[in-house]
Amino acid sequence: MPYITYRGKNASLMLHGIRFAAKVPVLVESESVVKHFREREDFEVQQEKVIPLEELSVVQLKDKAKLAGIPGFADMKKPELLKALKGEGGGTQSEGADGKNADSNDPPTA
């Protein structure tokens, strides 16, 4: 599934029911929607993209923290969320089968 990144001048843009913040890749599952964005100059379409945690918004980080079962995530600021998701805060972590944080590399989806 492709990732679409808005490269325009606005802070964000909403198209096809998807909110695109500037320079933040979003996973789009609909091929017909992806085809539309391929034709636009202000969007970049990539088949695969690993998004570093530092590039995610606070809302996206809180979503990941919730999925990871991190206690107190709702009151955390971005630096605290990054530490907790990376396992640097000494808090409890959900681990995947490979021993890594279960959700640390999952991209945002639309």
Protein backbone atom coordinates (compact mmCIF):
# COMPACT_ATOMS: atom_id res chain seq x y z
CA MET A 1 0.00 0.00 0.00
CA PRO A 2 1.36 3.40 -0.94
CA TYR A 3 2.18 6.33 1.28
CA ILE A 4 1.18 9.79 0.12
CA THR A 5 2.99 12.92 1.29
CA TYR A 6 1.60 16.42 0.81
CA ARG A 7 4.35 18.73 -0.49
CA GLY A 8 2.29 21.92 -0.84
CA LYS A 9 2.58 25.26 0.92
CA ASN A 10 -0.45 24.97 3.23
CA ALA A 11 -0.08 23.63 6.78
CA SER A 12 -2.52 20.85 5.91
CA LEU A 13 -5.07 19.84 3.32
CA MET A 14 -8.11 17.54 3.34
CA LEU A 15 -8.93 15.56 0.20
CA HIS A 16 -11.00 12.39 -0.24
CA GLY A 17 -11.75 12.45 3.48
CA ILE A 18 -8.04 12.23 4.36
CA ARG A 19 -6.21 14.97 6.30
CA PHE A 20 -2.70 15.56 4.96
CA ALA A 21 -0.34 17.55 7.16
CA ALA A 22 2.58 19.01 5.21
CA LYS A 23 5.50 16.58 4.81
CA VAL A 24 3.86 13.78 6.86
CA PRO A 25 3.39 10.51 4.92
CA VAL A 26 -0.05 8.91 5.21
CA LEU A 27 -0.89 5.33 4.29
CA VAL A 28 -3.73 5.24 1.72
CA GLU A 29 -5.41 1.93 0.95
CA SER A 30 -7.75 2.88 -1.92
CA GLU A 31 -6.12 2.44 -5.35
CA SER A 32 -8.59 4.88 -6.97
CA VAL A 33 -7.62 7.58 -4.46
CA VAL A 34 -3.91 6.84 -4.97
CA LYS A 35 -4.35 7.20 -8.75
CA HIS A 36 -5.83 10.68 -8.23
CA PHE A 37 -2.86 11.77 -6.09
CA ARG A 38 -0.31 10.44 -8.60
CA GLU A 39 -1.65 13.05 -11.06
CA ARG A 40 -1.10 15.98 -8.68
CA GLU A 41 2.20 17.86 -8.49
CA ASP A 42 1.82 18.77 -4.81
CA PHE A 43 1.71 15.12 -3.65
CA GLU A 44 4.40 12.45 -3.59
CA VAL A 45 3.38 8.78 -3.78
CA GLN A 46 5.79 6.11 -2.50
CA GLN A 47 5.20 2.38 -2.23
CA GLU A 48 7.06 1.91 1.05
CA LYS A 49 8.12 4.34 3.71
CA VAL A 50 9.50 3.85 7.18
CA ILE A 51 8.52 6.83 9.26
CA PRO A 52 10.81 7.70 12.17
CA LEU A 53 8.94 8.30 15.43
CA GLU A 54 10.41 11.82 15.59
CA GLU A 55 8.48 12.78 12.44
CA LEU A 56 5.09 11.73 13.82
CA SER A 57 2.68 14.20 15.40
CA VAL A 58 1.80 14.06 19.11
CA VAL A 59 -1.61 12.62 18.20
CA GLN A 60 0.02 9.83 16.16
CA LEU A 61 2.51 9.13 18.98
CA LYS A 62 -0.33 8.94 21.52
CA ASP A 63 -2.14 6.46 19.25
CA LYS A 64 0.98 4.29 19.19
CA ALA A 65 1.44 4.64 22.97
CA LYS A 66 -2.16 3.58 23.52
CA LEU A 67 -1.69 0.51 21.31
CA ALA A 68 1.56 -0.29 23.13
CA GLY A 69 -0.21 -0.13 26.50
CA ILE A 70 1.96 2.67 27.89
CA PRO A 71 0.38 3.96 31.12
CA GLY A 72 -0.14 7.72 31.40
CA PHE A 73 0.36 8.35 27.67
CA ALA A 74 -2.55 10.83 27.49
CA ASP A 75 -0.71 13.37 29.67
CA MET A 76 2.71 12.97 28.02
CA LYS A 77 4.43 15.55 25.84
CA LYS A 78 6.23 14.61 22.61
CA PRO A 79 9.70 14.01 24.17
CA GLU A 80 8.16 11.80 26.86
CA LEU A 81 6.16 9.84 24.27
CA LEU A 82 9.29 9.31 22.17
CA LYS A 83 11.21 7.98 25.18
CA ALA A 84 8.36 5.71 26.23
CA LEU A 85 7.85 4.31 22.72
CA LYS A 86 11.57 3.69 22.33
CA GLY A 87 11.68 1.99 25.73
CA GLU A 88 14.00 4.57 27.28
CA GLY A 89 11.67 5.63 30.08
CA GLY A 90 11.77 2.44 32.11
CA GLY A 91 8.00 2.05 31.69
CA THR A 92 6.26 -1.13 30.62
CA GLN A 93 6.35 -1.94 26.92
CA SER A 94 4.50 -4.28 24.62
CA GLU A 95 6.94 -6.41 22.72
CA GLY A 96 6.45 -8.10 19.42
CA ALA A 97 7.58 -11.62 18.58
CA ASP A 98 10.99 -10.28 17.56
CA GLY A 99 11.51 -8.64 20.98
CA LYS A 100 11.12 -5.11 19.63
CA ASN A 101 8.43 -2.58 20.46
CA ALA A 102 5.31 -3.98 18.80
CA ASP A 103 4.22 -0.72 17.14
CA SER A 104 7.37 1.38 16.83
CA ASN A 105 7.55 1.20 13.03
CA ASP A 106 3.86 1.20 12.08
CA PRO A 107 2.97 4.23 9.91
CA PRO A 108 -0.15 6.36 10.30
CA THR A 109 -3.07 5.13 8.26
CA ALA A 110 -6.06 6.77 6.63
